[in-house]
Amino acid sequence: MLTIHCLAHRLQLALIASSREVIHVHHFFTKLTYIVNIVGASCKHNEELKNAQAVEIEHMIAIDELVTRKRMNQIGTLQGASDTR
């Protein structure tokens, strides 16, 4: 049976195949998987991660390492709804 995988799944399969070739990359993704599972399974750990990220962002803003402007990361904007007549 022939199956066609979506692009994200094909990318994941390629990443897994290549990471098995490089031991350091394989260990990194193995540890990353454990971290994601631990944080995702625990509301307390998830909240602690969010708080740590908020503190890090505040620190980056304080030392002007992070530029904050509205719509800075947007690629484009959608046109507003208009009348058809």
PDB file of N, CA and C in Angstrom:
ATOM      1  N   MET A   1       0.846  -1.180   0.000  1.00  0.00           N
ATOM      2  CA  MET A   1       0.000   0.000   0.000  1.00  0.00           C
ATOM      3  C   MET A   1       0.889   1.239   0.000  1.00  0.00           C
ATOM      4  N   LEU A   2       0.621   2.162  -0.869  1.00  0.00           N
ATOM      5  CA  LEU A   2       1.385   3.388  -1.003  1.00  0.00           C
ATOM      6  C   LEU A   2       0.682   4.497  -0.238  1.00  0.00           C
ATOM      7  N   THR A   3       1.419   5.161   0.650  1.00  0.00           N
ATOM      8  CA  THR A   3       0.835   6.267   1.398  1.00  0.00           C
ATOM      9  C   THR A   3       1.594   7.539   1.082  1.00  0.00           C
ATOM     10  N   ILE A   4       0.899   8.645   1.101  1.00  0.00           N
ATOM     11  CA  ILE A   4       1.505   9.954   0.851  1.00  0.00           C
ATOM     12  C   ILE A   4       1.438  10.736   2.153  1.00  0.00           C
ATOM     13  N   HIS A   5       2.603  11.097   2.668  1.00  0.00           N
ATOM     14  CA  HIS A   5       2.674  11.833   3.929  1.00  0.00           C
ATOM     15  C   HIS A   5       2.638  13.333   3.663  1.00  0.00           C
ATOM     16  N   CYS A   6       2.092  14.060   4.611  1.00  0.00           N
ATOM     17  CA  CYS A   6       2.102  15.504   4.492  1.00  0.00           C
ATOM     18  C   CYS A   6       3.538  16.004   4.656  1.00  0.00           C
ATOM     19  N   LEU A   7       3.766  17.240   4.308  1.00  0.00           N
ATOM     20  CA  LEU A   7       5.116  17.797   4.332  1.00  0.00           C
ATOM     21  C   LEU A   7       5.716  17.777   5.738  1.00  0.00           C
ATOM     22  N   ALA A   8       4.931  18.121   6.753  1.00  0.00           N
ATOM     23  CA  ALA A   8       5.449  18.133   8.120  1.00  0.00           C
ATOM     24  C   ALA A   8       5.880  16.734   8.556  1.00  0.00           C
ATOM     25  N   HIS A   9       5.102  15.730   8.195  1.00  0.00           N
ATOM     26  CA  HIS A   9       5.446  14.366   8.576  1.00  0.00           C
ATOM     27  C   HIS A   9       6.696  13.902   7.827  1.00  0.00           C
ATOM     28  N   ARG A  10       6.801  14.245   6.552  1.00  0.00           N
ATOM     29  CA  ARG A  10       7.996  13.881   5.793  1.00  0.00           C
ATOM     30  C   ARG A  10       9.233  14.560   6.366  1.00  0.00           C
ATOM     31  N   LEU A  11       9.080  15.821   6.788  1.00  0.00           N
ATOM     32  CA  LEU A  11      10.193  16.533   7.413  1.00  0.00           C
ATOM     33  C   LEU A  11      10.603  15.854   8.710  1.00  0.00           C
ATOM     34  N   GLN A  12       9.616  15.440   9.498  1.00  0.00           N
ATOM     35  CA  GLN A  12       9.903  14.736  10.743  1.00  0.00           C
ATOM     36  C   GLN A  12      10.629  13.422  10.468  1.00  0.00           C
ATOM     37  N   LEU A  13      10.177  12.671   9.492  1.00  0.00           N
ATOM     38  CA  LEU A  13      10.827  11.412   9.148  1.00  0.00           C
ATOM     39  C   LEU A  13      12.268  11.634   8.690  1.00  0.00           C
ATOM     40  N   ALA A  14      12.498  12.681   7.913  1.00  0.00           N
ATOM     41  CA  ALA A  14      13.855  12.990   7.455  1.00  0.00           C
ATOM     42  C   ALA A  14      14.742  13.403   8.629  1.00  0.00           C
ATOM     43  N   LEU A  15      14.176  14.169   9.543  1.00  0.00           N
ATOM     44  CA  LEU A  15      14.927  14.601  10.718  1.00  0.00           C
ATOM     45  C   LEU A  15      15.302  13.410  11.595  1.00  0.00           C
ATOM     46  N   ILE A  16      14.374  12.508  11.790  1.00  0.00           N
ATOM     47  CA  ILE A  16      14.648  11.310  12.597  1.00  0.00           C
ATOM     48  C   ILE A  16      15.724  10.460  11.932  1.00  0.00           C
ATOM     49  N   ALA A  17      15.623  10.264  10.638  1.00  0.00           N
ATOM     50  CA  ALA A  17      16.609   9.445   9.928  1.00  0.00           C
ATOM     51  C   ALA A  17      17.989  10.073   9.995  1.00  0.00           C
ATOM     52  N   SER A  18      18.061  11.397   9.834  1.00  0.00           N
ATOM     53  CA  SER A  18      19.367  12.053   9.876  1.00  0.00           C
ATOM     54  C   SER A  18      19.906  12.153  11.288  1.00  0.00           C
ATOM     55  N   SER A  19      19.023  12.272  12.286  1.00  0.00           N
ATOM     56  CA  SER A  19      19.509  12.397  13.658  1.00  0.00           C
ATOM     57  C   SER A  19      20.107  11.093  14.161  1.00  0.00           C
ATOM     58  N   ARG A  20      19.693   9.988  13.591  1.00  0.00           N
ATOM     59  CA  ARG A  20      20.276   8.708  13.990  1.00  0.00           C
ATOM     60  C   ARG A  20      21.714   8.584  13.504  1.00  0.00           C
ATOM     61  N   GLU A  21      22.055   9.344  12.478  1.00  0.00           N
ATOM     62  CA  GLU A  21      23.420   9.327  11.950  1.00  0.00           C
ATOM     63  C   GLU A  21      24.373  10.116  12.856  1.00  0.00           C
ATOM     64  N   VAL A  22      23.885  11.184  13.488  1.00  0.00           N
ATOM     65  CA  VAL A  22      24.717  12.038  14.334  1.00  0.00           C
ATOM     66  C   VAL A  22      24.263  11.837  15.776  1.00  0.00           C
ATOM     67  N   ILE A  23      25.117  11.240  16.574  1.00  0.00           N
ATOM     68  CA  ILE A  23      24.752  10.848  17.942  1.00  0.00           C
ATOM     69  C   ILE A  23      24.362  12.048  18.795  1.00  0.00           C
ATOM     70  N   HIS A  24      25.088  13.168  18.692  1.00  0.00           N
ATOM     71  CA  HIS A  24      24.781  14.347  19.511  1.00  0.00           C
ATOM     72  C   HIS A  24      23.390  14.906  19.188  1.00  0.00           C
ATOM     73  N   VAL A  25      23.045  14.912  17.925  1.00  0.00           N
ATOM     74  CA  VAL A  25      21.717  15.390  17.512  1.00  0.00           C
ATOM     75  C   VAL A  25      20.647  14.445  18.021  1.00  0.00           C
ATOM     76  N   HIS A  26      20.902  13.150  17.946  1.00  0.00           N
ATOM     77  CA  HIS A  26      19.942  12.162  18.436  1.00  0.00           C
ATOM     78  C   HIS A  26      19.716  12.320  19.939  1.00  0.00           C
ATOM     79  N   HIS A  27      20.788  12.508  20.709  1.00  0.00           N
ATOM     80  CA  HIS A  27      20.651  12.707  22.160  1.00  0.00           C
ATOM     81  C   HIS A  27      19.881  13.996  22.474  1.00  0.00           C
ATOM     82  N   PHE A  28      20.149  15.050  21.695  1.00  0.00           N
ATOM     83  CA  PHE A  28      19.451  16.314  21.908  1.00  0.00           C
ATOM     84  C   PHE A  28      17.947  16.141  21.733  1.00  0.00           C
ATOM     85  N   PHE A  29      17.530  15.512  20.637  1.00  0.00           N
ATOM     86  CA  PHE A  29      16.103  15.348  20.389  1.00  0.00           C
ATOM     87  C   PHE A  29      15.456  14.363  21.357  1.00  0.00           C
ATOM     88  N   THR A  30      16.217  13.394  21.837  1.00  0.00           N
ATOM     89  CA  THR A  30      15.690  12.476  22.847  1.00  0.00           C
ATOM     90  C   THR A  30      15.410  13.233  24.136  1.00  0.00           C
ATOM     91  N   LYS A  31      16.352  14.063  24.557  1.00  0.00           N
ATOM     92  CA  LYS A  31      16.154  14.864  25.778  1.00  0.00           C
ATOM     93  C   LYS A  31      15.041  15.883  25.587  1.00  0.00           C
ATOM     94  N   LEU A  32      14.976  16.478  24.407  1.00  0.00           N
ATOM     95  CA  LEU A  32      13.919  17.449  24.128  1.00  0.00           C
ATOM     96  C   LEU A  32      12.541  16.800  24.211  1.00  0.00           C
ATOM     97  N   THR A  33      12.428  15.578  23.733  1.00  0.00           N
ATOM     98  CA  THR A  33      11.168  14.843  23.821  1.00  0.00           C
ATOM     99  C   THR A  33      10.759  14.628  25.263  1.00  0.00           C
ATOM    100  N   TYR A  34      11.712  14.259  26.119  1.00  0.00           N
ATOM    101  CA  TYR A  34      11.415  14.075  27.541  1.00  0.00           C
ATOM    102  C   TYR A  34      10.943  15.385  28.177  1.00  0.00           C
ATOM    103  N   ILE A  35      11.614  16.479  27.848  1.00  0.00           N
ATOM    104  CA  ILE A  35      11.238  17.777  28.418  1.00  0.00           C
ATOM    105  C   ILE A  35       9.827  18.167  27.988  1.00  0.00           C
ATOM    106  N   VAL A  36       9.526  18.003  26.716  1.00  0.00           N
ATOM    107  CA  VAL A  36       8.193  18.355  26.208  1.00  0.00           C
ATOM    108  C   VAL A  36       7.129  17.503  26.888  1.00  0.00           C
ATOM    109  N   ASN A  37       7.397  16.213  27.067  1.00  0.00           N
ATOM    110  CA  ASN A  37       6.431  15.333  27.722  1.00  0.00           C
ATOM    111  C   ASN A  37       6.218  15.711  29.182  1.00  0.00           C
ATOM    112  N   ILE A  38       7.286  16.054  29.888  1.00  0.00           N
ATOM    113  CA  ILE A  38       7.165  16.420  31.305  1.00  0.00           C
ATOM    114  C   ILE A  38       6.397  17.724  31.459  1.00  0.00           C
ATOM    115  N   VAL A  39       6.776  18.729  30.680  1.00  0.00           N
ATOM    116  CA  VAL A  39       6.121  20.036  30.788  1.00  0.00           C
ATOM    117  C   VAL A  39       4.671  19.952  30.318  1.00  0.00           C
ATOM    118  N   GLY A  40       4.424  19.204  29.261  1.00  0.00           N
ATOM    119  CA  GLY A  40       3.063  19.100  28.732  1.00  0.00           C
ATOM    120  C   GLY A  40       2.123  18.314  29.620  1.00  0.00           C
ATOM    121  N   ALA A  41       2.662  17.382  30.410  1.00  0.00           N
ATOM    122  CA  ALA A  41       1.810  16.531  31.238  1.00  0.00           C
ATOM    123  C   ALA A  41       1.476  17.165  32.580  1.00  0.00           C
ATOM    124  N   SER A  42       2.211  18.178  32.983  1.00  0.00           N
ATOM    125  CA  SER A  42       2.011  18.752  34.306  1.00  0.00           C
ATOM    126  C   SER A  42       1.631  20.225  34.192  1.00  0.00           C
ATOM    127  N   CYS A  43       0.494  20.588  34.739  1.00  0.00           N
ATOM    128  CA  CYS A  43       0.063  21.990  34.733  1.00  0.00           C
ATOM    129  C   CYS A  43       1.038  22.848  35.530  1.00  0.00           C
ATOM    130  N   LYS A  44       1.544  22.308  36.628  1.00  0.00           N
ATOM    131  CA  LYS A  44       2.491  23.053  37.462  1.00  0.00           C
ATOM    132  C   LYS A  44       3.782  23.331  36.695  1.00  0.00           C
ATOM    133  N   HIS A  45       4.324  22.320  36.012  1.00  0.00           N
ATOM    134  CA  HIS A  45       5.538  22.522  35.244  1.00  0.00           C
ATOM    135  C   HIS A  45       5.301  23.480  34.076  1.00  0.00           C
ATOM    136  N   ASN A  46       4.133  23.381  33.469  1.00  0.00           N
ATOM    137  CA  ASN A  46       3.788  24.267  32.366  1.00  0.00           C
ATOM    138  C   ASN A  46       3.730  25.710  32.845  1.00  0.00           C
ATOM    139  N   GLU A  47       3.121  25.933  33.993  1.00  0.00           N
ATOM    140  CA  GLU A  47       3.020  27.284  34.561  1.00  0.00           C
ATOM    141  C   GLU A  47       4.397  27.825  34.936  1.00  0.00           C
ATOM    142  N   GLU A  48       5.258  26.970  35.495  1.00  0.00           N
ATOM    143  CA  GLU A  48       6.616  27.386  35.843  1.00  0.00           C
ATOM    144  C   GLU A  48       7.398  27.779  34.593  1.00  0.00           C
ATOM    145  N   LEU A  49       7.225  27.046  33.503  1.00  0.00           N
ATOM    146  CA  LEU A  49       7.897  27.375  32.255  1.00  0.00           C
ATOM    147  C   LEU A  49       7.408  28.715  31.717  1.00  0.00           C
ATOM    148  N   LYS A  50       6.109  28.957  31.757  1.00  0.00           N
ATOM    149  CA  LYS A  50       5.568  30.238  31.299  1.00  0.00           C
ATOM    150  C   LYS A  50       6.108  31.392  32.130  1.00  0.00           C
ATOM    151  N   ASN A  51       6.177  31.201  33.461  1.00  0.00           N
ATOM    152  CA  ASN A  51       6.718  32.251  34.331  1.00  0.00           C
ATOM    153  C   ASN A  51       8.187  32.518  34.028  1.00  0.00           C
ATOM    154  N   ALA A  52       8.960  31.458  33.802  1.00  0.00           N
ATOM    155  CA  ALA A  52      10.380  31.623  33.482  1.00  0.00           C
ATOM    156  C   ALA A  52      10.547  32.353  32.152  1.00  0.00           C
ATOM    157  N   GLN A  53       9.698  32.045  31.173  1.00  0.00           N
ATOM    158  CA  GLN A  53       9.761  32.735  29.886  1.00  0.00           C
ATOM    159  C   GLN A  53       9.398  34.211  30.042  1.00  0.00           C
ATOM    160  N   ALA A  54       8.406  34.517  30.873  1.00  0.00           N
ATOM    161  CA  ALA A  54       8.003  35.903  31.098  1.00  0.00           C
ATOM    162  C   ALA A  54       9.137  36.687  31.740  1.00  0.00           C
ATOM    163  N   VAL A  55       9.817  36.091  32.702  1.00  0.00           N
ATOM    164  CA  VAL A  55      10.952  36.749  33.360  1.00  0.00           C
ATOM    165  C   VAL A  55      12.076  36.992  32.348  1.00  0.00           C
ATOM    166  N   GLU A  56      12.334  36.009  31.502  1.00  0.00           N
ATOM    167  CA  GLU A  56      13.386  36.138  30.482  1.00  0.00           C
ATOM    168  C   GLU A  56      13.051  37.252  29.497  1.00  0.00           C
ATOM    169  N   ILE A  57      11.801  37.341  29.080  1.00  0.00           N
ATOM    170  CA  ILE A  57      11.382  38.390  28.145  1.00  0.00           C
ATOM    171  C   ILE A  57      11.499  39.760  28.799  1.00  0.00           C
ATOM    172  N   GLU A  58      11.087  39.880  30.063  1.00  0.00           N
ATOM    173  CA  GLU A  58      11.221  41.150  30.784  1.00  0.00           C
ATOM    174  C   GLU A  58      12.685  41.566  30.879  1.00  0.00           C
ATOM    175  N   HIS A  59      13.559  40.601  31.126  1.00  0.00           N
ATOM    176  CA  HIS A  59      14.991  40.889  31.211  1.00  0.00           C
ATOM    177  C   HIS A  59      15.527  41.359  29.859  1.00  0.00           C
ATOM    178  N   MET A  60      15.121  40.702  28.783  1.00  0.00           N
ATOM    179  CA  MET A  60      15.588  41.080  27.452  1.00  0.00           C
ATOM    180  C   MET A  60      15.094  42.480  27.071  1.00  0.00           C
ATOM    181  N   ILE A  61      13.870  42.820  27.459  1.00  0.00           N
ATOM    182  CA  ILE A  61      13.335  44.152  27.186  1.00  0.00           C
ATOM    183  C   ILE A  61      14.104  45.188  27.993  1.00  0.00           C
ATOM    184  N   ALA A  62      14.430  44.867  29.247  1.00  0.00           N
ATOM    185  CA  ALA A  62      15.127  45.802  30.126  1.00  0.00           C
ATOM    186  C   ALA A  62      16.520  46.147  29.599  1.00  0.00           C
ATOM    187  N   ILE A  63      17.197  45.204  28.967  1.00  0.00           N
ATOM    188  CA  ILE A  63      18.541  45.482  28.464  1.00  0.00           C
ATOM    189  C   ILE A  63      18.526  45.811  26.967  1.00  0.00           C
ATOM    190  N   ASP A  64      17.359  46.112  26.433  1.00  0.00           N
ATOM    191  CA  ASP A  64      17.170  46.494  25.030  1.00  0.00           C
ATOM    192  C   ASP A  64      17.684  45.447  24.049  1.00  0.00           C
ATOM    193  N   GLU A  65      17.627  44.192  24.433  1.00  0.00           N
ATOM    194  CA  GLU A  65      18.014  43.123  23.520  1.00  0.00           C
ATOM    195  C   GLU A  65      16.831  42.680  22.666  1.00  0.00           C
ATOM    196  N   LEU A  66      15.627  42.998  23.125  1.00  0.00           N
ATOM    197  CA  LEU A  66      14.416  42.600  22.419  1.00  0.00           C
ATOM    198  C   LEU A  66      13.673  43.857  22.001  1.00  0.00           C
ATOM    199  N   VAL A  67      13.434  44.002  20.721  1.00  0.00           N
ATOM    200  CA  VAL A  67      12.712  45.159  20.209  1.00  0.00           C
ATOM    201  C   VAL A  67      11.242  44.806  20.161  1.00  0.00           C
ATOM    202  N   THR A  68      10.418  45.656  20.742  1.00  0.00           N
ATOM    203  CA  THR A  68       8.981  45.393  20.754  1.00  0.00           C
ATOM    204  C   THR A  68       8.268  46.514  20.019  1.00  0.00           C
ATOM    205  N   ARG A  69       7.662  46.152  18.902  1.00  0.00           N
ATOM    206  CA  ARG A  69       6.832  47.077  18.152  1.00  0.00           C
ATOM    207  C   ARG A  69       5.612  46.327  17.676  1.00  0.00           C
ATOM    208  N   LYS A  70       4.530  47.036  17.517  1.00  0.00           N
ATOM    209  CA  LYS A  70       3.313  46.396  17.040  1.00  0.00           C
ATOM    210  C   LYS A  70       3.502  45.938  15.597  1.00  0.00           C
ATOM    211  N   ARG A  71       2.999  44.779  15.315  1.00  0.00           N
ATOM    212  CA  ARG A  71       2.975  44.197  13.979  1.00  0.00           C
ATOM    213  C   ARG A  71       4.374  43.990  13.397  1.00  0.00           C
ATOM    214  N   MET A  72       5.378  43.881  14.245  1.00  0.00           N
ATOM    215  CA  MET A  72       6.741  43.723  13.760  1.00  0.00           C
ATOM    216  C   MET A  72       6.952  42.380  13.077  1.00  0.00           C
ATOM    217  N   ASN A  73       6.316  41.330  13.594  1.00  0.00           N
ATOM    218  CA  ASN A  73       6.546  39.992  13.075  1.00  0.00           C
ATOM    219  C   ASN A  73       5.500  39.537  12.067  1.00  0.00           C
ATOM    220  N   GLN A  74       4.644  40.433  11.655  1.00  0.00           N
ATOM    221  CA  GLN A  74       3.610  40.058  10.706  1.00  0.00           C
ATOM    222  C   GLN A  74       4.143  40.137   9.288  1.00  0.00           C
ATOM    223  N   ILE A  75       3.824  39.150   8.502  1.00  0.00           N
ATOM    224  CA  ILE A  75       4.260  39.134   7.106  1.00  0.00           C
ATOM    225  C   ILE A  75       3.352  40.037   6.273  1.00  0.00           C
ATOM    226  N   GLY A  76       2.090  39.995   6.528  1.00  0.00           N
ATOM    227  CA  GLY A  76       1.139  40.812   5.788  1.00  0.00           C
ATOM    228  C   GLY A  76      -0.136  40.949   6.577  1.00  0.00           C
ATOM    229  N   THR A  77      -1.054  41.719   6.064  1.00  0.00           N
ATOM    230  CA  THR A  77      -2.334  41.892   6.741  1.00  0.00           C
ATOM    231  C   THR A  77      -3.450  41.533   5.783  1.00  0.00           C
ATOM    232  N   LEU A  78      -4.554  41.107   6.325  1.00  0.00           N
ATOM    233  CA  LEU A  78      -5.716  40.773   5.523  1.00  0.00           C
ATOM    234  C   LEU A  78      -6.535  42.026   5.279  1.00  0.00           C
ATOM    235  N   GLN A  79      -7.167  42.083   4.147  1.00  0.00           N
ATOM    236  CA  GLN A  79      -8.064  43.189   3.842  1.00  0.00           C
ATOM    237  C   GLN A  79      -9.307  43.067   4.703  1.00  0.00           C
ATOM    238  N   GLY A  80      -9.814  44.178   5.146  1.00  0.00           N
ATOM    239  CA  GLY A  80     -11.043  44.187   5.919  1.00  0.00           C
ATOM    240  C   GLY A  80     -12.243  43.824   5.064  1.00  0.00           C
ATOM    241  N   ALA A  81     -13.299  43.379   5.712  1.00  0.00           N
ATOM    242  CA  ALA A  81     -14.531  43.062   4.978  1.00  0.00           C
ATOM    243  C   ALA A  81     -15.137  44.323   4.421  1.00  0.00           C
ATOM    244  N   SER A  82     -15.656  44.249   3.212  1.00  0.00           N
ATOM    245  CA  SER A  82     -16.261  45.433   2.595  1.00  0.00           C
ATOM    246  C   SER A  82     -17.601  45.053   1.982  1.00  0.00           C
ATOM    247  N   ASP A  83     -18.353  46.080   1.670  1.00  0.00           N
ATOM    248  CA  ASP A  83     -19.655  45.857   1.029  1.00  0.00           C
ATOM    249  C   ASP A  83     -19.439  45.329  -0.386  1.00  0.00           C
ATOM    250  N   THR A  84     -20.368  44.515  -0.844  1.00  0.00           N
ATOM    251  CA  THR A  84     -20.257  43.964  -2.195  1.00  0.00           C
ATOM    252  C   THR A  84     -20.965  44.822  -3.226  1.00  0.00           C
ATOM    253  N   ARG A  85     -21.672  45.842  -2.798  1.00  0.00           N
ATOM    254  CA  ARG A  85     -22.399  46.695  -3.749  1.00  0.00           C
ATOM    255  C   ARG A  85     -21.641  47.944  -4.066  1.00  0.00           C
TER     256      ARG A  85
END
